[in-house]
């Protein structure tokens, strides 16, 4: 019973199913990319980035962050798909039951998803960096506190100690 199901699945993927899966994946990934040079005008109804109000700046900042996080999530999902495909291919390599083709498809689709997600991530980071050069960013950063771990090494005794670094900016 199991052998006939796997044989049917394998013949289906070899005939036209594989082509449909790949085309559907490419279409889904490409439909997420929209090219618009004036993204702030479309997203937040802002005409000039340099003279944006604090509410408009916050809207643009949130849109840039959402783009960054969408790229990061898509990259993680693509990596997961590729890893599961690799595990499936590795496990099925010992037996010829058709799962190796499914694993290879998972690897290809996962890597394609990662390839699409990296530009999305980079676009969001570029938008956020562009916003950091505006006067509205300077106004929004009235006071910040940065706390980070610190490893301090004494150059004379060669001893290292752990600590916390704090920097307050006005």
C-alpha atoms as a PDB file:
ATOM      1  CA  UNK A   1       0.000   0.000   0.000  1.00  0.00           C
ATOM      2  CA  UNK A   2       2.722   2.475   1.008  1.00  0.00           C
ATOM      3  CA  UNK A   3       4.878   1.525  -1.960  1.00  0.00           C
ATOM      4  CA  UNK A   4       2.093   2.254  -4.464  1.00  0.00           C
ATOM      5  CA  UNK A   5       1.379   5.662  -2.888  1.00  0.00           C
ATOM      6  CA  UNK A   6       5.053   6.619  -3.081  1.00  0.00           C
ATOM      7  CA  UNK A   7       5.328   5.386  -6.662  1.00  0.00           C
ATOM      8  CA  UNK A   8       2.244   7.418  -7.591  1.00  0.00           C
ATOM      9  CA  UNK A   9       3.648  10.507  -5.862  1.00  0.00           C
ATOM     10  CA  UNK A  10       7.014  10.059  -7.560  1.00  0.00           C
ATOM     11  CA  UNK A  11       5.490   9.692 -11.022  1.00  0.00           C
ATOM     12  CA  UNK A  12       3.272  12.722 -10.409  1.00  0.00           C
ATOM     13  CA  UNK A  13       6.238  14.875  -9.370  1.00  0.00           C
ATOM     14  CA  UNK A  14       8.319  13.650 -12.296  1.00  0.00           C
ATOM     15  CA  UNK A  15       5.609  14.414 -14.860  1.00  0.00           C
ATOM     16  CA  UNK A  16       4.120  17.845 -14.281  1.00  0.00           C
ATOM     17  CA  UNK A  17       3.782  18.379 -10.558  1.00  0.00           C
ATOM     18  CA  UNK A  18       7.387  19.427 -10.062  1.00  0.00           C
ATOM     19  CA  UNK A  19       7.094  22.105 -12.707  1.00  0.00           C
ATOM     20  CA  UNK A  20       3.886  23.400 -11.095  1.00  0.00           C
ATOM     21  CA  UNK A  21       5.467  23.487  -7.632  1.00  0.00           C
ATOM     22  CA  UNK A  22       8.483  25.439  -8.849  1.00  0.00           C
ATOM     23  CA  UNK A  23       6.377  27.878 -10.899  1.00  0.00           C
ATOM     24  CA  UNK A  24       3.985  28.439  -8.016  1.00  0.00           C
ATOM     25  CA  UNK A  25       6.876  29.113  -5.626  1.00  0.00           C
ATOM     26  CA  UNK A  26       8.544  31.565  -8.023  1.00  0.00           C
ATOM     27  CA  UNK A  27       5.238  33.365  -8.633  1.00  0.00           C
ATOM     28  CA  UNK A  28       4.499  33.630  -4.909  1.00  0.00           C
ATOM     29  CA  UNK A  29       7.947  35.009  -4.166  1.00  0.00           C
ATOM     30  CA  UNK A  30       7.955  37.511  -7.016  1.00  0.00           C
ATOM     31  CA  UNK A  31       4.502  38.789  -6.129  1.00  0.00           C
ATOM     32  CA  UNK A  32       5.869  40.040  -2.792  1.00  0.00           C
ATOM     33  CA  UNK A  33       8.291  42.420  -4.474  1.00  0.00           C
ATOM     34  CA  UNK A  34       6.873  45.802  -5.389  1.00  0.00           C
ATOM     35  CA  UNK A  35       9.114  48.406  -6.901  1.00  0.00           C
ATOM     36  CA  UNK A  36       8.271  51.975  -5.957  1.00  0.00           C
ATOM     37  CA  UNK A  37      11.044  54.540  -5.619  1.00  0.00           C
ATOM     38  CA  UNK A  38       8.887  56.938  -3.563  1.00  0.00           C
ATOM     39  CA  UNK A  39       7.854  54.363  -0.962  1.00  0.00           C
ATOM     40  CA  UNK A  40       7.246  57.006   1.711  1.00  0.00           C
ATOM     41  CA  UNK A  41       4.705  58.783  -0.489  1.00  0.00           C
ATOM     42  CA  UNK A  42       2.745  55.591  -1.100  1.00  0.00           C
ATOM     43  CA  UNK A  43       3.062  54.216   2.431  1.00  0.00           C
ATOM     44  CA  UNK A  44       2.556  57.303   4.585  1.00  0.00           C
ATOM     45  CA  UNK A  45       1.371  60.064   2.217  1.00  0.00           C
ATOM     46  CA  UNK A  46       4.590  62.044   2.754  1.00  0.00           C
ATOM     47  CA  UNK A  47       5.772  64.297  -0.054  1.00  0.00           C
ATOM     48  CA  UNK A  48       9.243  65.165   1.271  1.00  0.00           C
ATOM     49  CA  UNK A  49      11.192  62.989   3.673  1.00  0.00           C
ATOM     50  CA  UNK A  50      13.274  65.937   4.909  1.00  0.00           C
ATOM     51  CA  UNK A  51      10.290  67.941   6.210  1.00  0.00           C
ATOM     52  CA  UNK A  52       8.218  65.104   7.673  1.00  0.00           C
ATOM     53  CA  UNK A  53       6.324  65.653  10.910  1.00  0.00           C
ATOM     54  CA  UNK A  54       6.946  63.391  13.878  1.00  0.00           C
ATOM     55  CA  UNK A  55       3.807  61.332  13.111  1.00  0.00           C
ATOM     56  CA  UNK A  56       4.822  60.930   9.462  1.00  0.00           C
ATOM     57  CA  UNK A  57       8.351  60.011  10.539  1.00  0.00           C
ATOM     58  CA  UNK A  58       6.990  57.383  12.925  1.00  0.00           C
ATOM     59  CA  UNK A  59       4.838  55.937  10.121  1.00  0.00           C
ATOM     60  CA  UNK A  60       7.837  55.726   7.786  1.00  0.00           C
ATOM     61  CA  UNK A  61      10.044  54.241  10.532  1.00  0.00           C
ATOM     62  CA  UNK A  62       7.419  51.564  11.276  1.00  0.00           C
ATOM     63  CA  UNK A  63       7.086  50.715   7.562  1.00  0.00           C
ATOM     64  CA  UNK A  64      10.867  50.364   7.235  1.00  0.00           C
ATOM     65  CA  UNK A  65      10.977  48.154  10.345  1.00  0.00           C
ATOM     66  CA  UNK A  66       8.131  46.001   8.998  1.00  0.00           C
ATOM     67  CA  UNK A  67      10.057  45.530   5.747  1.00  0.00           C
ATOM     68  CA  UNK A  68      13.188  44.518   7.651  1.00  0.00           C
ATOM     69  CA  UNK A  69      11.256  42.056   9.801  1.00  0.00           C
ATOM     70  CA  UNK A  70       9.410  40.640   6.770  1.00  0.00           C
ATOM     71  CA  UNK A  71      12.774  39.965   5.112  1.00  0.00           C
ATOM     72  CA  UNK A  72      14.134  38.378   8.282  1.00  0.00           C
ATOM     73  CA  UNK A  73      11.065  36.148   8.744  1.00  0.00           C
ATOM     74  CA  UNK A  74      11.072  35.108   5.091  1.00  0.00           C
ATOM     75  CA  UNK A  75      14.772  34.305   5.312  1.00  0.00           C
ATOM     76  CA  UNK A  76      14.142  32.174   8.407  1.00  0.00           C
ATOM     77  CA  UNK A  77      11.269  30.348   6.732  1.00  0.00           C
ATOM     78  CA  UNK A  78      13.371  29.701   3.618  1.00  0.00           C
ATOM     79  CA  UNK A  79      16.239  28.422   5.741  1.00  0.00           C
ATOM     80  CA  UNK A  80      13.848  26.117   7.596  1.00  0.00           C
ATOM     81  CA  UNK A  81      12.417  24.765   4.339  1.00  0.00           C
ATOM     82  CA  UNK A  82      15.923  24.134   2.978  1.00  0.00           C
ATOM     83  CA  UNK A  83      17.016  22.393   6.198  1.00  0.00           C
ATOM     84  CA  UNK A  84      13.922  20.163   6.260  1.00  0.00           C
ATOM     85  CA  UNK A  85      14.480  19.384   2.577  1.00  0.00           C
ATOM     86  CA  UNK A  86      18.116  18.505   3.279  1.00  0.00           C
ATOM     87  CA  UNK A  87      17.163  16.260   6.181  1.00  0.00           C
ATOM     88  CA  UNK A  88      14.502  14.572   4.053  1.00  0.00           C
ATOM     89  CA  UNK A  89      16.988  14.055   1.245  1.00  0.00           C
ATOM     90  CA  UNK A  90      19.644  12.728   3.643  1.00  0.00           C
ATOM     91  CA  UNK A  91      17.251  10.275   5.304  1.00  0.00           C
ATOM     92  CA  UNK A  92      15.812   9.048   2.023  1.00  0.00           C
ATOM     93  CA  UNK A  93      19.199   8.601   0.343  1.00  0.00           C
ATOM     94  CA  UNK A  94      19.537   5.205   2.008  1.00  0.00           C
ATOM     95  CA  UNK A  95      16.340   3.953   0.373  1.00  0.00           C
ATOM     96  CA  UNK A  96      14.991   4.751  -3.055  1.00  0.00           C
ATOM     97  CA  UNK A  97      11.436   5.628  -2.082  1.00  0.00           C
ATOM     98  CA  UNK A  98      10.998   8.939  -3.905  1.00  0.00           C
ATOM     99  CA  UNK A  99      11.456  11.234  -0.949  1.00  0.00           C
ATOM    100  CA  UNK A 100      14.878  12.338  -2.165  1.00  0.00           C
ATOM    101  CA  UNK A 101      13.180  14.253  -4.999  1.00  0.00           C
ATOM    102  CA  UNK A 102      10.881  15.955  -2.501  1.00  0.00           C
ATOM    103  CA  UNK A 103      13.904  16.812  -0.350  1.00  0.00           C
ATOM    104  CA  UNK A 104      15.726  18.301  -3.340  1.00  0.00           C
ATOM    105  CA  UNK A 105      12.626  20.353  -4.162  1.00  0.00           C
ATOM    106  CA  UNK A 106      12.550  21.598  -0.565  1.00  0.00           C
ATOM    107  CA  UNK A 107      16.197  22.632  -0.757  1.00  0.00           C
ATOM    108  CA  UNK A 108      15.671  24.485  -4.043  1.00  0.00           C
ATOM    109  CA  UNK A 109      12.494  26.230  -2.857  1.00  0.00           C
ATOM    110  CA  UNK A 110      14.099  27.135   0.476  1.00  0.00           C
ATOM    111  CA  UNK A 111      17.173  28.613  -1.166  1.00  0.00           C
ATOM    112  CA  UNK A 112      14.978  30.533  -3.633  1.00  0.00           C
ATOM    113  CA  UNK A 113      13.008  31.945  -0.703  1.00  0.00           C
ATOM    114  CA  UNK A 114      16.234  33.013   1.012  1.00  0.00           C
ATOM    115  CA  UNK A 115      17.467  34.588  -2.238  1.00  0.00           C
ATOM    116  CA  UNK A 116      14.285  36.665  -2.476  1.00  0.00           C
ATOM    117  CA  UNK A 117      14.235  37.594   1.212  1.00  0.00           C
ATOM    118  CA  UNK A 118      17.722  39.086   1.369  1.00  0.00           C
ATOM    119  CA  UNK A 119      16.908  42.016  -0.989  1.00  0.00           C
ATOM    120  CA  UNK A 120      13.692  42.685   0.965  1.00  0.00           C
ATOM    121  CA  UNK A 121      15.714  42.807   4.166  1.00  0.00           C
ATOM    122  CA  UNK A 122      18.297  45.091   2.528  1.00  0.00           C
ATOM    123  CA  UNK A 123      15.608  47.437   1.163  1.00  0.00           C
ATOM    124  CA  UNK A 124      14.159  47.873   4.659  1.00  0.00           C
ATOM    125  CA  UNK A 125      17.610  48.547   6.110  1.00  0.00           C
ATOM    126  CA  UNK A 126      18.339  51.070   3.344  1.00  0.00           C
ATOM    127  CA  UNK A 127      15.055  52.857   4.036  1.00  0.00           C
ATOM    128  CA  UNK A 128      15.783  52.980   7.749  1.00  0.00           C
ATOM    129  CA  UNK A 129      19.314  54.317   7.105  1.00  0.00           C
ATOM    130  CA  UNK A 130      17.845  56.989   4.840  1.00  0.00           C
ATOM    131  CA  UNK A 131      15.462  57.994   7.619  1.00  0.00           C
ATOM    132  CA  UNK A 132      18.362  58.231  10.081  1.00  0.00           C
ATOM    133  CA  UNK A 133      19.838  61.043   7.953  1.00  0.00           C
ATOM    134  CA  UNK A 134      16.753  63.252   8.350  1.00  0.00           C
ATOM    135  CA  UNK A 135      16.183  66.034  10.870  1.00  0.00           C
ATOM    136  CA  UNK A 136      13.103  64.205  12.173  1.00  0.00           C
ATOM    137  CA  UNK A 137      15.337  61.351  13.350  1.00  0.00           C
ATOM    138  CA  UNK A 138      17.488  63.744  15.344  1.00  0.00           C
ATOM    139  CA  UNK A 139      14.345  65.169  16.976  1.00  0.00           C
ATOM    140  CA  UNK A 140      13.042  61.720  17.827  1.00  0.00           C
ATOM    141  CA  UNK A 141      16.287  60.807  19.594  1.00  0.00           C
ATOM    142  CA  UNK A 142      16.066  63.207  22.524  1.00  0.00           C
ATOM    143  CA  UNK A 143      17.811  60.884  24.962  1.00  0.00           C
ATOM    144  CA  UNK A 144      18.903  57.290  24.514  1.00  0.00           C
ATOM    145  CA  UNK A 145      20.429  54.780  26.852  1.00  0.00           C
ATOM    146  CA  UNK A 146      22.515  51.985  25.342  1.00  0.00           C
ATOM    147  CA  UNK A 147      23.336  49.034  27.584  1.00  0.00           C
ATOM    148  CA  UNK A 148      25.580  46.259  26.313  1.00  0.00           C
ATOM    149  CA  UNK A 149      27.737  43.448  27.687  1.00  0.00           C
ATOM    150  CA  UNK A 150      31.401  44.228  28.129  1.00  0.00           C
ATOM    151  CA  UNK A 151      34.549  42.135  28.330  1.00  0.00           C
ATOM    152  CA  UNK A 152      37.385  44.121  29.841  1.00  0.00           C
ATOM    153  CA  UNK A 153      40.949  42.847  29.427  1.00  0.00           C
ATOM    154  CA  UNK A 154      43.812  44.239  31.483  1.00  0.00           C
ATOM    155  CA  UNK A 155      46.778  44.675  29.163  1.00  0.00           C
ATOM    156  CA  UNK A 156      49.353  44.249  31.934  1.00  0.00           C
ATOM    157  CA  UNK A 157      48.009  41.253  33.857  1.00  0.00           C
ATOM    158  CA  UNK A 158      46.236  39.665  30.875  1.00  0.00           C
ATOM    159  CA  UNK A 159      43.159  39.074  33.039  1.00  0.00           C
ATOM    160  CA  UNK A 160      39.680  39.467  31.641  1.00  0.00           C
ATOM    161  CA  UNK A 161      36.549  40.469  33.474  1.00  0.00           C
ATOM    162  CA  UNK A 162      32.899  40.628  32.480  1.00  0.00           C
ATOM    163  CA  UNK A 163      30.782  43.720  32.972  1.00  0.00           C
ATOM    164  CA  UNK A 164      28.052  45.923  31.582  1.00  0.00           C
ATOM    165  CA  UNK A 165      28.603  49.073  29.547  1.00  0.00           C
ATOM    166  CA  UNK A 166      26.089  51.925  29.685  1.00  0.00           C
ATOM    167  CA  UNK A 167      26.115  55.000  27.465  1.00  0.00           C
ATOM    168  CA  UNK A 168      23.645  57.877  27.798  1.00  0.00           C
ATOM    169  CA  UNK A 169      23.295  60.189  24.803  1.00  0.00           C
ATOM    170  CA  UNK A 170      21.458  63.500  24.746  1.00  0.00           C
END
